[in-house]
Amino acid sequence: MAEILALVEARLVSALGEPDARADVTFLGTDRVQVLRFLDGDIVRYATLGMSGAPMADPTSPLADPVKGPRAELVLSVRGGLADTDQVLRPLAVLATSPQVEGVIVAPGASLDLGEPLWPGAPFTSVLVAESGGLVEDLELDEPMEPVRFLPLLPMTPNEAAWKRVRGAQELQERWLTHGTDVRDPLRTSVPLD
């Protein structure tokens, strides 16, 4: 696990630069998760480190495979200086431990709901998991392990999350594009959903 996490951190640093801050978060019964913060101009990126130490297991499988299965880390990008987004560290760690705690497989198109704001005063209580491979390239591991995917998280308002449940992730993303929504704006309101 430590070797994998060292490779994951090296991939994050090569793609995003040196982190300017990091926080360790541990929940009872789960592995430690770190959240690294990277500054890129006016964009602040938060990336988890620890979720990929073990593969995510199919919740219907009676036995978890310790080697095979999807692996991922989460990346959230927001515009800096507009809100107290550094308070997102613990919620991000909660999302990163959801495969261990709830037995879910985090994959593109999925919604992850916290049931509370991502940071104090945030209009978002959930995130849409986007496709990997853009900002941080997937990290290939030795067979039979699957690559580590760096999954971008797109904050959703409660209305957007409800609309996504009915219409699907693709339609929500198209709606954002059509309306020129800046999904990195920590103060944005819901996209028109009529």
C-alpha atoms as a PDB file:
ATOM      1  CA  MET A   1       0.000   0.000   0.000  1.00  0.00           C
ATOM      2  CA  ALA A   2       2.785   2.456   0.945  1.00  0.00           C
ATOM      3  CA  GLU A   3       4.546   1.845  -2.401  1.00  0.00           C
ATOM      4  CA  ILE A   4       1.341   2.554  -4.331  1.00  0.00           C
ATOM      5  CA  LEU A   5       0.683   5.739  -2.377  1.00  0.00           C
ATOM      6  CA  ALA A   6       4.240   6.949  -3.000  1.00  0.00           C
ATOM      7  CA  LEU A   7       3.675   6.486  -6.758  1.00  0.00           C
ATOM      8  CA  VAL A   8       0.301   8.228  -6.504  1.00  0.00           C
ATOM      9  CA  GLU A   9       1.810  11.207  -4.701  1.00  0.00           C
ATOM     10  CA  ALA A  10       4.594  11.419  -7.289  1.00  0.00           C
ATOM     11  CA  ARG A  11       1.987  11.471 -10.082  1.00  0.00           C
ATOM     12  CA  LEU A  12       0.028  14.242  -8.338  1.00  0.00           C
ATOM     13  CA  VAL A  13       3.185  16.314  -7.833  1.00  0.00           C
ATOM     14  CA  SER A  14       4.286  15.848 -11.456  1.00  0.00           C
ATOM     15  CA  ALA A  15       0.853  16.998 -12.688  1.00  0.00           C
ATOM     16  CA  LEU A  16       0.000  19.708 -10.145  1.00  0.00           C
ATOM     17  CA  GLY A  17       3.318  20.806  -8.611  1.00  0.00           C
ATOM     18  CA  GLU A  18       4.341  20.633  -4.975  1.00  0.00           C
ATOM     19  CA  PRO A  19       1.438  20.763  -2.508  1.00  0.00           C
ATOM     20  CA  ASP A  20       1.437  23.866  -0.343  1.00  0.00           C
ATOM     21  CA  ALA A  21      -0.480  22.130   2.462  1.00  0.00           C
ATOM     22  CA  ARG A  22      -1.639  18.688   3.528  1.00  0.00           C
ATOM     23  CA  ALA A  23      -3.921  17.299   6.198  1.00  0.00           C
ATOM     24  CA  ASP A  24      -4.251  13.800   7.633  1.00  0.00           C
ATOM     25  CA  VAL A  25      -7.736  12.549   8.367  1.00  0.00           C
ATOM     26  CA  THR A  26      -8.445   9.247  10.062  1.00  0.00           C
ATOM     27  CA  PHE A  27     -11.800   7.720  10.862  1.00  0.00           C
ATOM     28  CA  LEU A  28     -12.247   4.755  13.196  1.00  0.00           C
ATOM     29  CA  GLY A  29     -11.943   1.527  11.234  1.00  0.00           C
ATOM     30  CA  THR A  30     -10.538   3.087   8.046  1.00  0.00           C
ATOM     31  CA  ASP A  31      -7.106   3.690   6.589  1.00  0.00           C
ATOM     32  CA  ARG A  32      -5.624   7.165   6.904  1.00  0.00           C
ATOM     33  CA  VAL A  33      -6.443   9.581   4.107  1.00  0.00           C
ATOM     34  CA  GLN A  34      -4.441  12.694   3.365  1.00  0.00           C
ATOM     35  CA  VAL A  35      -5.813  15.670   1.487  1.00  0.00           C
ATOM     36  CA  LEU A  36      -3.204  17.682  -0.407  1.00  0.00           C
ATOM     37  CA  ARG A  37      -3.760  21.279  -1.497  1.00  0.00           C
ATOM     38  CA  PHE A  38      -2.203  22.638  -4.678  1.00  0.00           C
ATOM     39  CA  LEU A  39      -2.289  26.260  -5.848  1.00  0.00           C
ATOM     40  CA  ASP A  40      -2.499  26.953  -9.576  1.00  0.00           C
ATOM     41  CA  GLY A  41      -2.968  30.691 -10.106  1.00  0.00           C
ATOM     42  CA  ASP A  42      -6.453  31.509  -8.820  1.00  0.00           C
ATOM     43  CA  ILE A  43      -7.450  27.811  -8.779  1.00  0.00           C
ATOM     44  CA  VAL A  44      -7.070  25.723  -5.627  1.00  0.00           C
ATOM     45  CA  ARG A  45      -6.970  21.971  -6.127  1.00  0.00           C
ATOM     46  CA  TYR A  46      -7.569  19.453  -3.365  1.00  0.00           C
ATOM     47  CA  ALA A  47      -6.529  15.843  -3.973  1.00  0.00           C
ATOM     48  CA  THR A  48      -6.992  12.825  -1.758  1.00  0.00           C
ATOM     49  CA  LEU A  49      -4.106  10.464  -1.072  1.00  0.00           C
ATOM     50  CA  GLY A  50      -4.902   7.103   0.504  1.00  0.00           C
ATOM     51  CA  MET A  51      -8.095   5.988  -1.207  1.00  0.00           C
ATOM     52  CA  SER A  52      -6.112   4.054  -3.852  1.00  0.00           C
ATOM     53  CA  GLY A  53      -4.096   2.063  -1.312  1.00  0.00           C
ATOM     54  CA  ALA A  54      -6.603  -0.765  -1.652  1.00  0.00           C
ATOM     55  CA  PRO A  55      -8.914  -1.626  -4.540  1.00  0.00           C
ATOM     56  CA  MET A  56     -12.601  -0.805  -4.273  1.00  0.00           C
ATOM     57  CA  ALA A  57     -14.634  -3.971  -3.815  1.00  0.00           C
ATOM     58  CA  ASP A  58     -17.937  -4.913  -5.379  1.00  0.00           C
ATOM     59  CA  PRO A  59     -20.461  -4.531  -2.546  1.00  0.00           C
ATOM     60  CA  THR A  60     -22.310  -7.673  -3.729  1.00  0.00           C
ATOM     61  CA  SER A  61     -19.180  -9.827  -3.576  1.00  0.00           C
ATOM     62  CA  PRO A  62     -18.850 -11.929  -0.406  1.00  0.00           C
ATOM     63  CA  LEU A  63     -15.046 -11.582  -0.429  1.00  0.00           C
ATOM     64  CA  ALA A  64     -12.995  -8.477  -1.261  1.00  0.00           C
ATOM     65  CA  ASP A  65     -10.017  -9.098  -3.538  1.00  0.00           C
ATOM     66  CA  PRO A  66      -6.924  -7.464  -1.972  1.00  0.00           C
ATOM     67  CA  VAL A  67      -5.276  -6.912  -5.394  1.00  0.00           C
ATOM     68  CA  LYS A  68      -7.831  -6.678  -8.204  1.00  0.00           C
ATOM     69  CA  GLY A  69     -10.434  -3.979  -8.510  1.00  0.00           C
ATOM     70  CA  PRO A  70     -10.700  -0.308  -9.409  1.00  0.00           C
ATOM     71  CA  ARG A  71      -8.517   2.226  -7.609  1.00  0.00           C
ATOM     72  CA  ALA A  72      -9.035   5.970  -7.477  1.00  0.00           C
ATOM     73  CA  GLU A  73      -8.198   9.271  -5.845  1.00  0.00           C
ATOM     74  CA  LEU A  74     -10.450  12.339  -5.852  1.00  0.00           C
ATOM     75  CA  VAL A  75      -9.569  15.821  -7.140  1.00  0.00           C
ATOM     76  CA  LEU A  76     -11.642  18.943  -6.452  1.00  0.00           C
ATOM     77  CA  SER A  77     -10.808  22.255  -8.175  1.00  0.00           C
ATOM     78  CA  VAL A  78     -12.299  25.573  -7.014  1.00  0.00           C
ATOM     79  CA  ARG A  79     -11.583  29.259  -7.502  1.00  0.00           C
ATOM     80  CA  GLY A  80      -9.562  30.464  -4.533  1.00  0.00           C
ATOM     81  CA  GLY A  81     -10.250  33.403  -2.266  1.00  0.00           C
ATOM     82  CA  LEU A  82     -14.035  33.475  -2.734  1.00  0.00           C
ATOM     83  CA  ALA A  83     -15.078  31.115   0.083  1.00  0.00           C
ATOM     84  CA  ASP A  84     -13.556  29.175   2.977  1.00  0.00           C
ATOM     85  CA  THR A  85     -12.941  26.135   0.783  1.00  0.00           C
ATOM     86  CA  ASP A  86     -10.097  24.831   2.980  1.00  0.00           C
ATOM     87  CA  GLN A  87     -12.871  23.496   5.218  1.00  0.00           C
ATOM     88  CA  VAL A  88     -13.511  20.868   2.491  1.00  0.00           C
ATOM     89  CA  LEU A  89     -10.652  18.677   3.780  1.00  0.00           C
ATOM     90  CA  ARG A  90     -12.737  16.548   6.135  1.00  0.00           C
ATOM     91  CA  PRO A  91     -15.701  16.165   3.709  1.00  0.00           C
ATOM     92  CA  LEU A  92     -13.261  15.082   0.969  1.00  0.00           C
ATOM     93  CA  ALA A  93     -11.751  12.502   3.296  1.00  0.00           C
ATOM     94  CA  VAL A  94     -15.274  11.243   4.092  1.00  0.00           C
ATOM     95  CA  LEU A  95     -15.906  10.771   0.373  1.00  0.00           C
ATOM     96  CA  ALA A  96     -12.528   9.042  -0.060  1.00  0.00           C
ATOM     97  CA  THR A  97     -13.337   6.515   2.681  1.00  0.00           C
ATOM     98  CA  SER A  98     -16.812   5.722   1.324  1.00  0.00           C
ATOM     99  CA  PRO A  99     -15.540   2.596  -0.509  1.00  0.00           C
ATOM    100  CA  GLN A 100     -14.187   1.223   2.795  1.00  0.00           C
ATOM    101  CA  VAL A 101     -17.115   2.320   4.958  1.00  0.00           C
ATOM    102  CA  GLU A 102     -20.098   1.910   2.637  1.00  0.00           C
ATOM    103  CA  GLY A 103     -18.729  -0.607   0.145  1.00  0.00           C
ATOM    104  CA  VAL A 104     -19.381   1.638  -2.854  1.00  0.00           C
ATOM    105  CA  ILE A 105     -17.337   1.802  -6.030  1.00  0.00           C
ATOM    106  CA  VAL A 106     -16.682   5.426  -6.943  1.00  0.00           C
ATOM    107  CA  ALA A 107     -16.835   5.749 -10.730  1.00  0.00           C
ATOM    108  CA  PRO A 108     -17.510   8.444 -13.348  1.00  0.00           C
ATOM    109  CA  GLY A 109     -21.172   9.452 -13.475  1.00  0.00           C
ATOM    110  CA  ALA A 110     -21.779   8.650  -9.816  1.00  0.00           C
ATOM    111  CA  SER A 111     -23.093  11.125  -7.267  1.00  0.00           C
ATOM    112  CA  LEU A 112     -21.573  11.314  -3.804  1.00  0.00           C
ATOM    113  CA  ASP A 113     -23.794  13.049  -1.253  1.00  0.00           C
ATOM    114  CA  LEU A 114     -22.524  14.387   2.054  1.00  0.00           C
ATOM    115  CA  GLY A 115     -25.890  15.592   3.350  1.00  0.00           C
ATOM    116  CA  GLU A 116     -24.208  18.800   4.497  1.00  0.00           C
ATOM    117  CA  PRO A 117     -22.369  21.661   2.762  1.00  0.00           C
ATOM    118  CA  LEU A 118     -18.939  20.854   1.301  1.00  0.00           C
ATOM    119  CA  TRP A 119     -17.592  23.809   3.317  1.00  0.00           C
ATOM    120  CA  PRO A 120     -19.335  26.350   5.587  1.00  0.00           C
ATOM    121  CA  GLY A 121     -21.935  28.275   3.605  1.00  0.00           C
ATOM    122  CA  ALA A 122     -21.390  26.240   0.420  1.00  0.00           C
ATOM    123  CA  PRO A 123     -24.436  25.872  -1.835  1.00  0.00           C
ATOM    124  CA  PHE A 124     -23.290  22.289  -2.584  1.00  0.00           C
ATOM    125  CA  THR A 125     -23.981  19.128  -0.577  1.00  0.00           C
ATOM    126  CA  SER A 126     -22.926  16.592  -3.187  1.00  0.00           C
ATOM    127  CA  VAL A 127     -20.540  16.103  -6.079  1.00  0.00           C
ATOM    128  CA  LEU A 128     -20.690  14.543  -9.514  1.00  0.00           C
ATOM    129  CA  VAL A 129     -17.775  12.231 -10.288  1.00  0.00           C
ATOM    130  CA  ALA A 130     -16.323  13.119 -13.713  1.00  0.00           C
ATOM    131  CA  GLU A 131     -14.115  11.142 -16.104  1.00  0.00           C
ATOM    132  CA  SER A 132     -10.429  10.709 -15.264  1.00  0.00           C
ATOM    133  CA  GLY A 133      -7.471  11.339 -17.524  1.00  0.00           C
ATOM    134  CA  GLY A 134      -7.712  15.091 -18.041  1.00  0.00           C
ATOM    135  CA  LEU A 135      -5.933  16.986 -15.293  1.00  0.00           C
ATOM    136  CA  VAL A 136      -3.951  14.057 -13.863  1.00  0.00           C
ATOM    137  CA  GLU A 137      -3.243  11.043 -16.070  1.00  0.00           C
ATOM    138  CA  ASP A 138      -4.170   7.583 -14.818  1.00  0.00           C
ATOM    139  CA  LEU A 139      -1.338   5.787 -13.039  1.00  0.00           C
ATOM    140  CA  GLU A 140      -0.637   2.320 -14.427  1.00  0.00           C
ATOM    141  CA  LEU A 141       0.271  -0.307 -11.821  1.00  0.00           C
ATOM    142  CA  ASP A 142       1.796  -3.774 -12.236  1.00  0.00           C
ATOM    143  CA  GLU A 143      -0.606  -6.492 -13.371  1.00  0.00           C
ATOM    144  CA  PRO A 144      -3.032  -7.713 -12.130  1.00  0.00           C
ATOM    145  CA  MET A 145      -3.676  -4.374 -10.376  1.00  0.00           C
ATOM    146  CA  GLU A 146      -5.876  -1.870 -12.178  1.00  0.00           C
ATOM    147  CA  PRO A 147      -4.626   1.691 -12.796  1.00  0.00           C
ATOM    148  CA  VAL A 148      -5.232   4.446 -10.259  1.00  0.00           C
ATOM    149  CA  ARG A 149      -7.715   6.922 -11.722  1.00  0.00           C
ATOM    150  CA  PHE A 150      -7.737  10.547 -10.581  1.00  0.00           C
ATOM    151  CA  LEU A 151     -11.440  11.412 -10.605  1.00  0.00           C
ATOM    152  CA  PRO A 152     -12.461  15.090 -10.778  1.00  0.00           C
ATOM    153  CA  LEU A 153     -15.340  16.080  -8.500  1.00  0.00           C
ATOM    154  CA  LEU A 154     -17.876  18.652  -9.712  1.00  0.00           C
ATOM    155  CA  PRO A 155     -19.903  20.255  -6.894  1.00  0.00           C
ATOM    156  CA  MET A 156     -23.691  20.029  -7.308  1.00  0.00           C
ATOM    157  CA  THR A 157     -26.451  22.024  -5.656  1.00  0.00           C
ATOM    158  CA  PRO A 158     -29.314  19.949  -4.179  1.00  0.00           C
ATOM    159  CA  ASN A 159     -31.494  20.888  -7.188  1.00  0.00           C
ATOM    160  CA  GLU A 160     -28.802  19.797  -9.635  1.00  0.00           C
ATOM    161  CA  ALA A 161     -28.318  16.530  -7.758  1.00  0.00           C
ATOM    162  CA  ALA A 162     -32.067  15.808  -7.881  1.00  0.00           C
ATOM    163  CA  TRP A 163     -32.155  16.670 -11.599  1.00  0.00           C
ATOM    164  CA  LYS A 164     -29.138  14.427 -12.248  1.00  0.00           C
ATOM    165  CA  ARG A 165     -30.885  11.490 -10.526  1.00  0.00           C
ATOM    166  CA  VAL A 166     -33.756  11.822 -13.003  1.00  0.00           C
ATOM    167  CA  ARG A 167     -31.928  12.871 -16.183  1.00  0.00           C
ATOM    168  CA  GLY A 168     -28.434  11.436 -15.696  1.00  0.00           C
ATOM    169  CA  ALA A 169     -24.903  12.795 -15.406  1.00  0.00           C
ATOM    170  CA  GLN A 170     -24.436  13.420 -19.122  1.00  0.00           C
ATOM    171  CA  GLU A 171     -27.493  15.691 -19.362  1.00  0.00           C
ATOM    172  CA  LEU A 172     -26.411  17.690 -16.310  1.00  0.00           C
ATOM    173  CA  GLN A 173     -22.943  18.213 -17.756  1.00  0.00           C
ATOM    174  CA  GLU A 174     -24.469  19.284 -21.075  1.00  0.00           C
ATOM    175  CA  ARG A 175     -26.717  21.731 -19.211  1.00  0.00           C
ATOM    176  CA  TRP A 176     -23.637  23.218 -17.483  1.00  0.00           C
ATOM    177  CA  LEU A 177     -21.885  23.588 -20.854  1.00  0.00           C
ATOM    178  CA  THR A 178     -24.928  25.119 -22.547  1.00  0.00           C
ATOM    179  CA  HIS A 179     -25.257  27.768 -19.833  1.00  0.00           C
ATOM    180  CA  GLY A 180     -21.505  28.417 -19.537  1.00  0.00           C
ATOM    181  CA  THR A 181     -21.513  27.339 -15.883  1.00  0.00           C
ATOM    182  CA  ASP A 182     -18.177  27.718 -14.101  1.00  0.00           C
ATOM    183  CA  VAL A 183     -18.288  24.546 -12.001  1.00  0.00           C
ATOM    184  CA  ARG A 184     -15.178  25.757 -10.131  1.00  0.00           C
ATOM    185  CA  ASP A 185     -16.994  28.817  -8.772  1.00  0.00           C
ATOM    186  CA  PRO A 186     -17.519  28.104  -5.041  1.00  0.00           C
ATOM    187  CA  LEU A 187     -20.361  30.664  -4.877  1.00  0.00           C
ATOM    188  CA  ARG A 188     -22.286  29.753  -8.021  1.00  0.00           C
ATOM    189  CA  THR A 189     -26.004  29.116  -7.992  1.00  0.00           C
ATOM    190  CA  SER A 190     -27.820  26.217  -9.591  1.00  0.00           C
ATOM    191  CA  VAL A 191     -27.873  26.072 -13.376  1.00  0.00           C
ATOM    192  CA  PRO A 192     -31.370  26.724 -14.837  1.00  0.00           C
ATOM    193  CA  LEU A 193     -33.136  23.348 -14.882  1.00  0.00           C
ATOM    194  CA  ASP A 194     -36.437  24.162 -16.613  1.00  0.00           C
END
